Amino acid sequence: QRHIRPIVRGKAGKPIEFGAKLSVSCVDNYVFLDKISWENFNESCHLKEQVEKYKETFGYYPESVHVDKIYRTRENRNWCKERGIRISGPKLGRPPKNVSEEEKKQAHSDECFRNAIEGKFGQAKRRFSLNLVMTKLPETSITSIAITFLVVNLSKLLRQFLSLFLSLFTNNRTGELIKPPFINFDYTLNNFYVLKLIDLSENSWSKVA
């Protein structure tokens, strides 16, 4: 199609890719499609905008952001530091000779946490045909991609509802599972609150993350 452009990525085995380029963030295992374009763009320039969207949605800045190496520019680091946001990854400059065990543990934890977004891309491609977008117009292709991530979020929400539904008939103590099934409303209500599906202070449904 006319709007398709080659995007040089430099990956092993796939130096050039074709299609739309996405900038996606993941919060509580829910995916937010922040930017989509048929032209190549530098992802690091959109970190501030993504963080500001997070604040607009949830009312506060995130405690930390877990990003790829391309986002860890000096400008982005200083911007996050001014707002009290910890950015993952090693500091700029020459790596230190001695790294404490706490720093190693934090780096490993950050990398594992960041892998969630890679898993979302894999899930969208394998289960929801993100890599098989066959629409012709750029507008319909963008709509198809956006709907794919919408379905990814709906599948996550459905699993949470199913888990909470099953918890209606169980107790939080495994020792009592052998007893006849019964409804534990307090335990289930707390689960809804932990998953941010309801707001106990107002006794009303709140926006899902």
Protein backbone atom coordinates (compact mmCIF):
# COMPACT_ATOMS: atom_id res chain seq x y z
CA GLN A 1 0.00 0.00 0.00
CA ARG A 2 1.08 3.59 -0.56
CA HIS A 3 1.20 4.46 3.12
CA ILE A 4 3.50 1.56 4.01
CA ARG A 5 7.09 2.63 4.63
CA PRO A 6 10.22 0.58 5.38
CA ILE A 7 11.41 1.10 8.95
CA VAL A 8 15.07 0.30 9.65
CA ARG A 9 15.24 -1.41 13.04
CA GLY A 10 18.64 -3.12 12.89
CA LYS A 11 17.40 -6.31 14.54
CA ALA A 12 19.21 -9.59 13.94
CA GLY A 13 17.57 -11.34 11.00
CA LYS A 14 15.10 -8.47 10.47
CA PRO A 15 17.04 -5.27 9.74
CA ILE A 16 14.02 -3.68 8.04
CA GLU A 17 10.35 -3.96 9.01
CA PHE A 18 7.19 -2.79 7.27
CA GLY A 19 3.97 -1.54 8.80
CA ALA A 20 2.87 0.81 11.53
CA LYS A 21 5.17 1.78 14.39
CA LEU A 22 3.57 1.79 17.83
CA SER A 23 4.39 3.42 21.13
CA VAL A 24 2.66 1.45 23.86
CA SER A 25 2.66 1.61 27.66
CA CYS A 26 1.52 -1.02 30.14
CA VAL A 27 -0.07 -0.20 33.52
CA ASP A 28 -1.27 -3.01 35.81
CA ASN A 29 -1.14 -5.38 32.80
CA TYR A 30 -3.50 -3.12 30.81
CA VAL A 31 -2.16 -1.74 27.53
CA PHE A 32 -2.41 1.90 26.42
CA LEU A 33 -1.79 2.72 22.75
CA ASP A 34 -0.09 6.12 23.05
CA LYS A 35 1.13 6.72 19.50
CA ILE A 36 0.79 5.02 16.13
CA SER A 37 2.36 6.20 12.87
CA TRP A 38 3.25 4.87 9.44
CA GLU A 39 6.47 6.90 9.54
CA ASN A 40 9.54 6.10 11.58
CA PHE A 41 9.91 8.16 14.78
CA ASN A 42 12.13 8.31 17.83
CA GLU A 43 10.28 6.75 20.76
CA SER A 44 12.32 8.60 23.39
CA CYS A 45 10.75 11.94 22.38
CA HIS A 46 7.34 10.76 23.59
CA LEU A 47 8.21 9.61 27.12
CA LYS A 48 7.18 12.92 28.71
CA GLU A 49 3.86 12.87 26.87
CA GLN A 50 3.16 9.30 28.00
CA VAL A 51 3.95 10.10 31.63
CA GLU A 52 1.72 13.18 31.49
CA LYS A 53 -1.11 11.03 30.08
CA TYR A 54 -0.61 8.69 33.03
CA LYS A 55 -1.00 11.60 35.44
CA GLU A 56 -4.09 12.82 33.58
CA THR A 57 -5.66 9.35 33.81
CA PHE A 58 -4.77 8.39 37.40
CA GLY A 59 -4.25 11.79 39.02
CA TYR A 60 -0.59 11.36 40.00
CA TYR A 61 2.81 10.57 38.51
CA PRO A 62 4.03 6.97 38.54
CA GLU A 63 6.55 5.93 41.15
CA SER A 64 8.82 4.49 38.46
CA VAL A 65 8.94 3.94 34.71
CA HIS A 66 10.51 0.84 33.17
CA VAL A 67 11.77 1.60 29.70
CA ASP A 68 14.05 0.37 26.95
CA LYS A 69 17.57 1.73 26.49
CA ILE A 70 16.51 4.23 23.82
CA TYR A 71 14.35 6.12 26.38
CA ARG A 72 17.18 6.60 28.87
CA THR A 73 18.44 9.89 27.52
CA ARG A 74 19.90 12.59 29.75
CA GLU A 75 16.92 14.85 29.08
CA ASN A 76 14.38 12.18 30.03
CA ARG A 77 16.36 11.24 33.14
CA ASN A 78 16.49 14.84 34.36
CA TRP A 79 12.79 15.36 33.59
CA CYS A 80 11.81 12.27 35.59
CA LYS A 81 14.15 13.20 38.46
CA GLU A 82 12.53 16.63 38.80
CA ARG A 83 9.16 14.92 39.30
CA GLY A 84 10.38 12.25 41.69
CA ILE A 85 10.05 9.42 39.16
CA ARG A 86 12.62 6.64 39.17
CA ILE A 87 13.64 5.51 35.70
CA SER A 88 14.93 1.98 35.24
CA GLY A 89 18.36 1.09 33.91
CA PRO A 90 21.95 1.93 34.81
CA LYS A 91 23.18 5.48 35.17
CA LEU A 92 24.82 7.30 32.28
CA GLY A 93 28.58 7.32 32.00
CA ARG A 94 31.21 4.72 32.76
CA PRO A 95 29.77 1.73 34.64
CA PRO A 96 31.00 1.44 38.24
CA LYS A 97 33.52 -1.26 39.12
CA ASN A 98 31.67 -2.40 42.22
CA VAL A 99 27.91 -2.90 42.11
CA SER A 100 26.08 -3.74 45.32
CA GLU A 101 23.80 -6.75 45.57
CA GLU A 102 20.85 -4.43 46.18
CA GLU A 103 21.49 -2.60 42.91
CA LYS A 104 21.81 -5.90 41.04
CA LYS A 105 18.56 -7.11 42.53
CA GLN A 106 16.81 -3.84 41.60
CA ALA A 107 18.12 -4.00 38.01
CA HIS A 108 16.94 -7.60 37.64
CA SER A 109 13.54 -6.72 39.08
CA ASP A 110 13.19 -3.75 36.71
CA GLU A 111 14.07 -5.87 33.69
CA CYS A 112 11.58 -8.57 34.66
CA PHE A 113 8.92 -5.91 35.17
CA ARG A 114 9.61 -4.39 31.74
CA ASN A 115 9.21 -7.77 30.05
CA ALA A 116 5.45 -7.47 30.59
CA ILE A 117 5.11 -5.10 27.63
CA GLU A 118 7.06 -7.49 25.40
CA GLY A 119 4.67 -10.24 26.43
CA LYS A 120 1.71 -8.07 25.47
CA PHE A 121 3.07 -7.66 21.96
CA GLY A 122 3.56 -11.41 21.69
CA GLN A 123 0.05 -12.06 22.97
CA ALA A 124 -1.44 -9.57 20.51
CA LYS A 125 0.41 -11.21 17.60
CA ARG A 126 -0.16 -14.86 18.49
CA ARG A 127 -3.70 -14.77 19.82
CA PHE A 128 -5.25 -11.66 18.29
CA SER A 129 -3.58 -11.47 14.83
CA LEU A 130 -1.78 -8.16 15.29
CA ASN A 131 0.76 -9.30 12.68
CA LEU A 132 -1.99 -10.13 10.16
CA VAL A 133 -3.60 -6.74 9.58
CA MET A 134 -4.87 -6.98 5.99
CA THR A 135 -6.98 -3.82 5.66
CA LYS A 136 -6.14 -1.51 2.76
CA LEU A 137 -6.73 2.04 3.99
CA PRO A 138 -4.46 3.58 6.65
CA GLU A 139 -7.46 4.66 8.73
CA THR A 140 -8.98 1.17 8.83
CA SER A 141 -5.59 -0.37 9.61
CA ILE A 142 -5.13 1.97 12.57
CA THR A 143 -8.64 1.10 13.76
CA SER A 144 -7.88 -2.61 13.45
CA ILE A 145 -4.68 -2.24 15.48
CA ALA A 146 -6.46 -0.21 18.17
CA ILE A 147 -9.26 -2.78 18.41
CA THR A 148 -6.66 -5.53 18.82
CA PHE A 149 -5.26 -3.88 21.95
CA LEU A 150 -8.80 -3.23 23.17
CA VAL A 151 -9.51 -6.96 22.97
CA VAL A 152 -6.23 -7.69 24.79
CA ASN A 153 -7.44 -5.50 27.67
CA LEU A 154 -10.91 -7.06 27.61
CA SER A 155 -9.42 -10.54 27.85
CA LYS A 156 -7.44 -9.44 30.91
CA LEU A 157 -10.57 -7.93 32.47
CA LEU A 158 -12.56 -11.09 31.73
CA ARG A 159 -9.98 -13.24 33.52
CA GLN A 160 -10.18 -10.96 36.55
CA PHE A 161 -13.96 -11.15 36.66
CA LEU A 162 -13.83 -14.93 36.32
CA SER A 163 -11.32 -15.17 39.16
CA LEU A 164 -13.48 -12.93 41.36
CA PHE A 165 -16.59 -14.93 40.48
CA LEU A 166 -14.91 -18.16 41.51
CA SER A 167 -13.74 -16.54 44.73
CA LEU A 168 -17.40 -16.07 45.69
CA PHE A 169 -17.56 -19.77 46.45
CA THR A 170 -14.27 -20.20 48.24
CA ASN A 171 -12.64 -18.92 51.40
CA ASN A 172 -9.33 -17.14 51.66
CA ARG A 173 -8.07 -19.87 54.00
CA THR A 174 -7.20 -23.07 52.16
CA GLY A 175 -7.85 -25.14 55.25
CA GLU A 176 -11.57 -24.47 54.97
CA LEU A 177 -11.89 -25.39 51.28
CA ILE A 178 -13.07 -28.86 52.25
CA LYS A 179 -16.18 -27.34 53.78
CA PRO A 180 -19.36 -26.95 51.69
CA PRO A 181 -19.19 -24.01 49.23
CA PHE A 182 -20.44 -20.70 50.52
CA ILE A 183 -20.27 -17.05 49.50
CA ASN A 184 -17.63 -14.96 51.24
CA PHE A 185 -18.72 -11.41 50.44
CA ASP A 186 -16.03 -9.64 52.48
CA TYR A 187 -13.20 -11.55 50.82
CA THR A 188 -14.61 -10.94 47.33
CA LEU A 189 -15.24 -7.24 48.02
CA ASN A 190 -11.64 -6.80 49.09
CA ASN A 191 -10.48 -8.48 45.88
CA PHE A 192 -12.52 -6.03 43.83
CA TYR A 193 -10.95 -3.16 45.75
CA VAL A 194 -7.39 -4.49 45.28
CA LEU A 195 -7.95 -4.83 41.54
CA LYS A 196 -9.26 -1.22 41.41
CA LEU A 197 -12.65 -2.30 40.08
CA ILE A 198 -14.60 -0.54 42.80
CA ASP A 199 -14.06 2.34 45.20
CA LEU A 200 -15.04 1.36 48.74
CA SER A 201 -14.95 4.95 49.95
CA GLU A 202 -17.75 5.97 47.59
CA ASN A 203 -19.36 2.54 47.27
CA SER A 204 -19.45 2.92 43.48
CA TRP A 205 -17.75 1.54 40.39
CA SER A 206 -14.56 3.34 39.43
CA LYS A 207 -12.68 3.49 36.16
CA VAL A 208 -10.75 0.34 35.38
CA ALA A 209 -6.99 0.89 35.11
